[in-house]
Amino acid sequence: MGVKKSSLKNLEKGSRFTSQNQPKNAGRKPSRFKEIIGELDELGESLSLEDFNKVVKSLLILNKDQLVDLAKKEDTPIAVVIIASSIAGDIENKQLGNLDRLLDRVYGKATQKNEVTGKDGKDLISSIQIIDKTGLFK
């Protein structure tokens, strides 16, 4: 199969890219993600981990009605709305899933100590003794 003349059209004089002949929008388009980050940076406010923990601790002492009222307010930040709604939903559904996860995030998971001992409380293996019957190891 030969090369079609139409595919070689870009090689004609005047259609090649040179230092004088450049496309109007040179380069890759900026990603939408970077645009959003830039817009958020212009607002100048962000939520630090310390702020998040303070918000969660404050919300954990509110009752269900206070949480629902806070979540319904128009000027409440979305992070607070989500947390307040999840806690109130857990209360309504008589579950502790979201509350448990929030407590783990704020205070850390509880550590569990596993003590491995025998029935009498002594170590399972006190010592290991190797007996050399071959006489190779002295």
N, C-alpha and C. Protein backbone atom coordinates (compact mmCIF):
# COMPACT_ATOMS: atom_id res chain seq x y z
N MET A 1 0.84 -1.18 0.00
CA MET A 1 0.00 0.00 0.00
C MET A 1 0.88 1.24 0.00
N GLY A 2 0.55 2.13 -0.85
CA GLY A 2 1.30 3.37 -0.95
C GLY A 2 0.75 4.44 -0.02
N VAL A 3 1.46 5.52 0.08
CA VAL A 3 1.06 6.64 0.91
C VAL A 3 0.14 7.54 0.10
N LYS A 4 -0.99 7.89 0.68
CA LYS A 4 -1.93 8.78 -0.01
C LYS A 4 -1.40 10.20 0.00
N LYS A 5 -1.70 10.93 -1.07
CA LYS A 5 -1.26 12.32 -1.15
C LYS A 5 -1.92 13.18 -0.07
N SER A 6 -3.15 12.82 0.31
CA SER A 6 -3.85 13.62 1.32
C SER A 6 -3.16 13.52 2.69
N SER A 7 -2.51 12.39 2.96
CA SER A 7 -1.83 12.25 4.25
C SER A 7 -0.51 13.02 4.27
N LEU A 8 0.00 13.39 3.11
CA LEU A 8 1.25 14.15 3.03
C LEU A 8 1.01 15.65 2.95
N LYS A 9 -0.26 16.05 3.04
CA LYS A 9 -0.62 17.46 2.89
C LYS A 9 0.06 18.33 3.95
N ASN A 10 0.24 17.77 5.15
CA ASN A 10 0.85 18.57 6.21
C ASN A 10 2.34 18.84 5.96
N LEU A 11 2.93 18.17 4.98
CA LEU A 11 4.34 18.39 4.67
C LEU A 11 4.55 19.51 3.65
N GLU A 12 3.45 19.99 3.08
CA GLU A 12 3.57 21.06 2.09
C GLU A 12 4.03 22.34 2.76
N LYS A 13 4.62 23.20 1.96
CA LYS A 13 5.12 24.46 2.48
C LYS A 13 3.95 25.30 2.99
N GLY A 14 4.12 25.90 4.15
CA GLY A 14 3.07 26.72 4.74
C GLY A 14 2.22 25.97 5.74
N SER A 15 2.26 24.65 5.71
CA SER A 15 1.46 23.90 6.68
C SER A 15 2.31 23.27 7.78
N ARG A 16 3.62 23.35 7.62
CA ARG A 16 4.50 22.83 8.66
C ARG A 16 4.58 23.81 9.82
N PHE A 17 4.81 23.25 11.01
CA PHE A 17 5.01 24.11 12.17
C PHE A 17 6.45 24.58 12.18
N THR A 18 6.60 25.87 12.28
CA THR A 18 7.92 26.49 12.36
C THR A 18 7.89 27.46 13.53
N SER A 19 8.97 28.19 13.73
CA SER A 19 8.98 29.17 14.81
C SER A 19 7.98 30.29 14.54
N GLN A 20 7.66 30.54 13.27
CA GLN A 20 6.67 31.57 12.94
C GLN A 20 5.27 30.99 12.79
N ASN A 21 5.14 29.73 12.42
CA ASN A 21 3.85 29.10 12.19
C ASN A 21 3.54 28.16 13.35
N GLN A 22 2.86 28.68 14.38
CA GLN A 22 2.53 27.91 15.57
C GLN A 22 1.01 27.89 15.75
N PRO A 23 0.48 26.84 16.36
CA PRO A 23 -0.97 26.81 16.61
C PRO A 23 -1.36 27.89 17.62
N LYS A 24 -2.64 28.29 17.58
CA LYS A 24 -3.11 29.35 18.47
C LYS A 24 -3.01 28.94 19.93
N ASN A 25 -3.42 27.75 20.25
CA ASN A 25 -3.40 27.27 21.64
C ASN A 25 -2.32 26.20 21.78
N ALA A 26 -1.09 26.65 21.87
CA ALA A 26 0.02 25.70 21.97
C ALA A 26 0.04 25.06 23.35
N GLY A 27 0.41 23.81 23.39
CA GLY A 27 0.57 23.12 24.67
C GLY A 27 -0.67 22.39 25.12
N ARG A 28 -0.50 21.68 26.18
CA ARG A 28 -1.58 20.89 26.75
C ARG A 28 -2.54 21.78 27.53
N LYS A 29 -3.81 21.45 27.45
CA LYS A 29 -4.80 22.21 28.21
C LYS A 29 -4.59 21.93 29.70
N PRO A 30 -4.78 22.94 30.55
CA PRO A 30 -4.65 22.69 31.99
C PRO A 30 -5.75 21.74 32.46
N SER A 31 -5.40 20.87 33.39
CA SER A 31 -6.39 19.91 33.87
C SER A 31 -7.45 20.61 34.71
N ARG A 32 -8.63 20.05 34.70
CA ARG A 32 -9.73 20.62 35.47
C ARG A 32 -9.42 20.56 36.97
N PHE A 33 -8.74 19.51 37.37
CA PHE A 33 -8.37 19.36 38.78
C PHE A 33 -7.49 20.52 39.24
N LYS A 34 -6.50 20.89 38.42
CA LYS A 34 -5.62 22.00 38.78
C LYS A 34 -6.39 23.32 38.81
N GLU A 35 -7.36 23.47 37.92
CA GLU A 35 -8.19 24.68 37.93
C GLU A 35 -8.97 24.78 39.24
N ILE A 36 -9.55 23.66 39.66
CA ILE A 36 -10.34 23.66 40.90
C ILE A 36 -9.45 23.96 42.10
N ILE A 37 -8.27 23.35 42.14
CA ILE A 37 -7.33 23.62 43.24
C ILE A 37 -6.97 25.10 43.26
N GLY A 38 -6.74 25.67 42.10
CA GLY A 38 -6.42 27.10 42.02
C GLY A 38 -7.56 27.97 42.53
N GLU A 39 -8.79 27.61 42.17
CA GLU A 39 -9.95 28.37 42.64
C GLU A 39 -10.09 28.26 44.15
N LEU A 40 -9.85 27.07 44.69
CA LEU A 40 -9.96 26.89 46.14
C LEU A 40 -8.84 27.64 46.87
N ASP A 41 -7.65 27.67 46.27
CA ASP A 41 -6.54 28.41 46.88
C ASP A 41 -6.85 29.90 46.96
N GLU A 42 -7.60 30.41 45.97
CA GLU A 42 -7.96 31.83 45.98
C GLU A 42 -8.86 32.18 47.15
N LEU A 43 -9.65 31.20 47.61
CA LEU A 43 -10.51 31.45 48.77
C LEU A 43 -9.69 31.67 50.03
N GLY A 44 -8.52 31.05 50.07
CA GLY A 44 -7.60 31.27 51.17
C GLY A 44 -7.92 30.52 52.44
N GLU A 45 -8.90 29.65 52.43
CA GLU A 45 -9.25 28.91 53.63
C GLU A 45 -9.11 27.42 53.35
N SER A 46 -8.61 26.71 54.34
CA SER A 46 -8.54 25.26 54.21
C SER A 46 -8.81 24.66 55.58
N LEU A 47 -9.09 23.38 55.60
CA LEU A 47 -9.41 22.69 56.84
C LEU A 47 -8.22 21.82 57.22
N SER A 48 -7.56 22.20 58.30
CA SER A 48 -6.42 21.42 58.77
C SER A 48 -6.93 20.22 59.56
N LEU A 49 -6.04 19.27 59.79
CA LEU A 49 -6.41 18.09 60.57
C LEU A 49 -6.79 18.49 62.00
N GLU A 50 -6.09 19.46 62.53
CA GLU A 50 -6.39 19.94 63.89
C GLU A 50 -7.79 20.56 63.94
N ASP A 51 -8.13 21.36 62.92
CA ASP A 51 -9.47 21.96 62.85
C ASP A 51 -10.54 20.87 62.72
N PHE A 52 -10.27 19.88 61.88
CA PHE A 52 -11.21 18.79 61.69
C PHE A 52 -11.47 18.06 63.01
N ASN A 53 -10.40 17.77 63.73
CA ASN A 53 -10.55 17.08 65.01
C ASN A 53 -11.35 17.91 66.01
N LYS A 54 -11.12 19.23 66.02
CA LYS A 54 -11.88 20.10 66.92
C LYS A 54 -13.37 20.09 66.56
N VAL A 55 -13.66 20.12 65.26
CA VAL A 55 -15.05 20.11 64.81
C VAL A 55 -15.72 18.81 65.24
N VAL A 56 -15.05 17.69 65.00
CA VAL A 56 -15.63 16.39 65.35
C VAL A 56 -15.86 16.30 66.86
N LYS A 57 -14.89 16.72 67.65
CA LYS A 57 -15.05 16.68 69.11
C LYS A 57 -16.23 17.53 69.55
N SER A 58 -16.39 18.68 68.92
CA SER A 58 -17.51 19.56 69.26
C SER A 58 -18.85 18.95 68.87
N LEU A 59 -18.89 18.30 67.72
CA LEU A 59 -20.14 17.70 67.25
C LEU A 59 -20.54 16.48 68.08
N LEU A 60 -19.56 15.80 68.64
CA LEU A 60 -19.86 14.58 69.40
C LEU A 60 -20.60 14.86 70.71
N ILE A 61 -20.60 16.10 71.17
CA ILE A 61 -21.30 16.40 72.42
C ILE A 61 -22.69 16.98 72.19
N LEU A 62 -23.08 17.17 70.92
CA LEU A 62 -24.40 17.71 70.62
C LEU A 62 -25.44 16.60 70.62
N ASN A 63 -26.71 16.97 70.87
CA ASN A 63 -27.77 15.98 70.78
C ASN A 63 -28.26 15.88 69.33
N LYS A 64 -29.14 14.93 69.08
CA LYS A 64 -29.59 14.66 67.71
C LYS A 64 -30.25 15.88 67.07
N ASP A 65 -31.12 16.56 67.80
CA ASP A 65 -31.82 17.72 67.24
C ASP A 65 -30.84 18.84 66.87
N GLN A 66 -29.85 19.06 67.72
CA GLN A 66 -28.84 20.08 67.43
C GLN A 66 -28.04 19.72 66.17
N LEU A 67 -27.72 18.44 66.02
CA LEU A 67 -26.98 18.00 64.84
C LEU A 67 -27.79 18.20 63.57
N VAL A 68 -29.07 17.84 63.62
CA VAL A 68 -29.94 17.98 62.45
C VAL A 68 -30.11 19.45 62.10
N ASP A 69 -30.32 20.30 63.10
CA ASP A 69 -30.48 21.74 62.84
C ASP A 69 -29.21 22.33 62.22
N LEU A 70 -28.07 21.93 62.74
CA LEU A 70 -26.79 22.41 62.21
C LEU A 70 -26.59 21.98 60.76
N ALA A 71 -26.96 20.74 60.46
CA ALA A 71 -26.79 20.22 59.10
C ALA A 71 -27.72 20.90 58.11
N LYS A 72 -28.86 21.40 58.57
CA LYS A 72 -29.83 22.04 57.68
C LYS A 72 -29.50 23.49 57.37
N LYS A 73 -28.64 24.12 58.15
CA LYS A 73 -28.31 25.53 57.92
C LYS A 73 -27.56 25.69 56.60
N GLU A 74 -27.91 26.72 55.85
CA GLU A 74 -27.30 26.98 54.54
C GLU A 74 -25.82 27.34 54.63
N ASP A 75 -25.42 28.02 55.70
CA ASP A 75 -24.04 28.50 55.78
C ASP A 75 -23.10 27.52 56.47
N THR A 76 -23.59 26.32 56.80
CA THR A 76 -22.74 25.31 57.44
C THR A 76 -21.81 24.69 56.40
N PRO A 77 -20.52 24.62 56.68
CA PRO A 77 -19.58 23.99 55.74
C PRO A 77 -19.95 22.54 55.48
N ILE A 78 -19.68 22.08 54.28
CA ILE A 78 -20.10 20.74 53.86
C ILE A 78 -19.48 19.65 54.73
N ALA A 79 -18.26 19.84 55.19
CA ALA A 79 -17.63 18.82 56.05
C ALA A 79 -18.42 18.65 57.34
N VAL A 80 -18.89 19.75 57.90
CA VAL A 80 -19.68 19.70 59.13
C VAL A 80 -21.04 19.08 58.85
N VAL A 81 -21.64 19.40 57.71
CA VAL A 81 -22.93 18.82 57.33
C VAL A 81 -22.82 17.30 57.24
N ILE A 82 -21.77 16.83 56.59
CA ILE A 82 -21.59 15.38 56.40
C ILE A 82 -21.41 14.69 57.75
N ILE A 83 -20.57 15.25 58.60
CA ILE A 83 -20.30 14.62 59.89
C ILE A 83 -21.55 14.65 60.77
N ALA A 84 -22.21 15.81 60.84
CA ALA A 84 -23.41 15.94 61.67
C ALA A 84 -24.51 15.00 61.18
N SER A 85 -24.68 14.92 59.87
CA SER A 85 -25.72 14.04 59.31
C SER A 85 -25.41 12.57 59.58
N SER A 86 -24.14 12.20 59.49
CA SER A 86 -23.79 10.80 59.72
C SER A 86 -23.99 10.41 61.18
N ILE A 87 -23.65 11.31 62.10
CA ILE A 87 -23.86 11.01 63.52
C ILE A 87 -25.36 10.92 63.81
N ALA A 88 -26.14 11.89 63.30
CA ALA A 88 -27.58 11.88 63.53
C ALA A 88 -28.22 10.64 62.90
N GLY A 89 -27.75 10.25 61.73
CA GLY A 89 -28.26 9.04 61.07
C GLY A 89 -27.98 7.79 61.88
N ASP A 90 -26.79 7.73 62.47
CA ASP A 90 -26.44 6.59 63.32
C ASP A 90 -27.36 6.52 64.54
N ILE A 91 -27.65 7.68 65.11
CA ILE A 91 -28.53 7.71 66.28
C ILE A 91 -29.92 7.21 65.88
N GLU A 92 -30.40 7.69 64.74
CA GLU A 92 -31.74 7.30 64.29
C GLU A 92 -31.81 5.81 63.96
N ASN A 93 -30.75 5.27 63.37
CA ASN A 93 -30.73 3.85 62.97
C ASN A 93 -30.22 2.94 64.08
N LYS A 94 -29.90 3.51 65.22
CA LYS A 94 -29.39 2.76 66.36
C LYS A 94 -28.14 1.95 65.99
N GLN A 95 -27.22 2.63 65.32
CA GLN A 95 -25.95 2.03 64.92
C GLN A 95 -24.81 2.90 65.43
N LEU A 96 -23.63 2.34 65.45
CA LEU A 96 -22.46 3.09 65.93
C LEU A 96 -21.34 3.14 64.91
N GLY A 97 -21.58 2.73 63.68
CA GLY A 97 -20.52 2.63 62.67
C GLY A 97 -19.79 3.94 62.42
N ASN A 98 -20.52 4.99 62.08
CA ASN A 98 -19.87 6.28 61.79
C ASN A 98 -19.25 6.89 63.05
N LEU A 99 -19.95 6.76 64.16
CA LEU A 99 -19.42 7.29 65.41
C LEU A 99 -18.12 6.59 65.79
N ASP A 100 -18.10 5.29 65.61
CA ASP A 100 -16.90 4.51 65.91
C ASP A 100 -15.72 4.96 65.04
N ARG A 101 -15.97 5.16 63.75
CA ARG A 101 -14.91 5.61 62.85
C ARG A 101 -14.43 7.01 63.20
N LEU A 102 -15.35 7.89 63.56
CA LEU A 102 -14.95 9.25 63.94
C LEU A 102 -14.11 9.24 65.21
N LEU A 103 -14.51 8.44 66.18
CA LEU A 103 -13.72 8.35 67.41
C LEU A 103 -12.33 7.79 67.13
N ASP A 104 -12.25 6.82 66.23
CA ASP A 104 -10.94 6.27 65.85
C ASP A 104 -10.08 7.33 65.18
N ARG A 105 -10.67 8.16 64.35
CA ARG A 105 -9.90 9.21 63.66
C ARG A 105 -9.40 10.27 64.63
N VAL A 106 -10.25 10.64 65.57
CA VAL A 106 -9.89 11.72 66.49
C VAL A 106 -8.95 11.24 67.58
N TYR A 107 -9.25 10.10 68.18
CA TYR A 107 -8.48 9.64 69.33
C TYR A 107 -7.55 8.47 69.02
N GLY A 108 -7.65 7.90 67.84
CA GLY A 108 -6.83 6.75 67.48
C GLY A 108 -7.50 5.45 67.91
N LYS A 109 -7.15 4.39 67.23
CA LYS A 109 -7.74 3.09 67.56
C LYS A 109 -7.20 2.61 68.90
N ALA A 110 -8.07 1.93 69.62
CA ALA A 110 -7.66 1.37 70.91
C ALA A 110 -6.69 0.23 70.66
N THR A 111 -5.63 0.19 71.45
CA THR A 111 -4.65 -0.89 71.30
C THR A 111 -5.12 -2.11 72.08
N GLN A 112 -4.81 -3.26 71.54
CA GLN A 112 -5.15 -4.50 72.21
C GLN A 112 -3.86 -5.24 72.52
N LYS A 113 -3.73 -5.63 73.77
CA LYS A 113 -2.56 -6.40 74.17
C LYS A 113 -2.93 -7.87 74.14
N ASN A 114 -2.13 -8.64 73.46
CA ASN A 114 -2.33 -10.08 73.41
C ASN A 114 -1.17 -10.74 74.14
N GLU A 115 -1.48 -11.30 75.28
CA GLU A 115 -0.46 -11.95 76.07
C GLU A 115 -0.51 -13.44 75.77
N VAL A 116 0.61 -13.98 75.39
CA VAL A 116 0.67 -15.39 75.05
C VAL A 116 1.42 -16.13 76.15
N THR A 117 0.66 -16.86 76.94
CA THR A 117 1.25 -17.66 78.02
C THR A 117 0.56 -19.01 78.07
N GLY A 118 1.13 -19.88 78.85
CA GLY A 118 0.54 -21.20 79.03
C GLY A 118 -0.62 -21.16 80.01
N LYS A 119 -1.18 -22.32 80.31
CA LYS A 119 -2.33 -22.40 81.22
C LYS A 119 -2.00 -21.90 82.62
N ASP A 120 -0.76 -22.13 83.05
CA ASP A 120 -0.36 -21.72 84.39
C ASP A 120 0.15 -20.28 84.45
N GLY A 121 0.12 -19.56 83.33
CA GLY A 121 0.57 -18.18 83.30
C GLY A 121 2.04 -18.02 83.00
N LYS A 122 2.75 -19.12 82.86
CA LYS A 122 4.17 -19.07 82.55
C LYS A 122 4.37 -19.07 81.04
N ASP A 123 5.60 -18.76 80.61
CA ASP A 123 5.91 -18.75 79.18
C ASP A 123 5.62 -20.12 78.57
N LEU A 124 5.19 -20.10 77.30
CA LEU A 124 4.91 -21.36 76.62
C LEU A 124 6.19 -22.17 76.41
N ILE A 125 7.24 -21.51 75.97
CA ILE A 125 8.52 -22.19 75.76
C ILE A 125 9.55 -21.46 76.61
N SER A 126 10.10 -22.17 77.59
CA SER A 126 11.05 -21.51 78.48
C SER A 126 12.42 -21.40 77.83
N SER A 127 12.88 -22.46 77.18
CA SER A 127 14.16 -22.40 76.49
C SER A 127 14.22 -23.53 75.48
N ILE A 128 15.08 -23.38 74.53
CA ILE A 128 15.27 -24.41 73.51
C ILE A 128 16.68 -24.95 73.68
N GLN A 129 16.77 -26.25 73.77
CA GLN A 129 18.07 -26.88 73.94
C GLN A 129 18.35 -27.75 72.72
N ILE A 130 19.53 -27.58 72.13
CA ILE A 130 19.91 -28.35 70.95
C ILE A 130 20.92 -29.41 71.40
N ILE A 131 20.62 -30.64 71.07
CA ILE A 131 21.50 -31.75 71.43
C ILE A 131 22.17 -32.25 70.15
N ASP A 132 23.49 -32.25 70.16
CA ASP A 132 24.25 -32.68 69.00
C ASP A 132 24.72 -34.12 69.22
N LYS A 133 24.05 -35.07 68.58
CA LYS A 133 24.43 -36.48 68.72
C LYS A 133 25.49 -36.88 67.71
N THR A 134 25.71 -36.04 66.70
CA THR A 134 26.68 -36.38 65.66
C THR A 134 28.10 -36.00 66.05
N GLY A 135 28.24 -35.05 66.93
CA GLY A 135 29.56 -34.60 67.33
C GLY A 135 30.16 -33.60 66.36
N LEU A 136 29.39 -33.14 65.38
CA LEU A 136 29.91 -32.19 64.40
C LEU A 136 30.03 -30.78 64.98
N PHE A 137 29.19 -30.45 65.92
CA PHE A 137 29.18 -29.10 66.48
C PHE A 137 29.73 -29.13 67.89
N LYS A 138 30.84 -28.51 68.09
CA LYS A 138 31.45 -28.48 69.42
C LYS A 138 31.77 -27.08 69.82
